[in-house]
Every structure is written in C-alpha cells, then in structure tokens.
C-alpha cells in the first residue's frame, strides 16, 4: 500500500507501507519530494517503491 500526500506549494510526501513488526506495529517508509503535479509525484512513488 502506498499513498501520495500533497503538502502544498508543489511539495509531496510519499508513504509506503512495508509490513508489521513482531509487536504488530506498522512499518512505513516515507520521503518528501518536489513535483509539479500529482501524476509526477505518482511516478516518483513508483520509483521509490522499487528501491525498497
């Protein structure tokens, strides 16, 4: 599961859900980027997911 969150002024936060730890807490990785549109941010999200 992955999400793209608009932080305003062309800044976006990418969040990727990786799984759960042994205690049941969610493990997430996030990254903030600058992109002109949501579509551009989604492309960066795909690249980010492949790196993980």
Protein backbone atom coordinates (compact mmCIF):
# COMPACT_ATOMS: atom_id res chain seq x y z
CA UNK A 1 0.00 0.00 0.00
CA UNK A 2 1.32 3.42 -0.91
CA UNK A 3 0.00 6.96 -0.71
CA UNK A 4 0.84 10.38 -2.06
CA UNK A 5 0.03 13.34 0.19
CA UNK A 6 0.02 16.94 -1.03
CA UNK A 7 1.93 19.19 1.39
CA UNK A 8 1.32 22.41 -0.57
CA UNK A 9 3.44 24.54 -2.90
CA UNK A 10 4.50 21.59 -5.04
CA UNK A 11 5.75 19.50 -2.13
CA UNK A 12 4.54 15.92 -1.82
CA UNK A 13 5.05 13.18 0.75
CA UNK A 14 5.36 9.60 -0.44
CA UNK A 15 4.47 6.86 2.05
CA UNK A 16 4.92 3.14 1.52
CA UNK A 17 3.55 0.50 3.90
CA UNK A 18 6.13 -2.28 4.24
CA UNK A 19 4.52 -4.62 6.78
CA UNK A 20 4.37 -5.15 10.52
CA UNK A 21 6.99 -5.73 13.17
CA UNK A 22 6.81 -8.51 15.75
CA UNK A 23 4.61 -6.36 18.04
CA UNK A 24 2.06 -5.65 15.30
CA UNK A 25 3.12 -2.04 14.68
CA UNK A 26 3.02 -0.83 11.07
CA UNK A 27 6.34 -0.27 9.32
CA UNK A 28 6.25 2.65 6.91
CA UNK A 29 8.88 4.40 4.85
CA UNK A 30 8.34 7.99 3.72
CA UNK A 31 10.06 10.50 1.50
CA UNK A 32 9.33 14.16 0.69
CA UNK A 33 9.76 15.39 -2.86
CA UNK A 34 9.05 18.42 -5.02
CA UNK A 35 6.87 17.73 -8.07
CA UNK A 36 4.68 19.87 -10.31
CA UNK A 37 1.64 17.57 -10.31
CA UNK A 38 0.13 14.54 -8.63
CA UNK A 39 0.89 12.46 -11.71
CA UNK A 40 4.59 13.37 -11.45
CA UNK A 41 4.51 12.51 -7.74
CA UNK A 42 2.94 9.12 -8.54
CA UNK A 43 5.79 8.37 -10.97
CA UNK A 44 8.30 9.17 -8.22
CA UNK A 45 6.31 6.93 -5.86
CA UNK A 46 6.73 4.01 -8.27
CA UNK A 47 10.49 4.60 -8.35
CA UNK A 48 10.58 4.84 -4.54
CA UNK A 49 8.68 1.56 -4.15
CA UNK A 50 11.12 -0.24 -6.45
CA UNK A 51 14.10 0.88 -4.34
CA UNK A 52 12.60 -0.68 -1.19
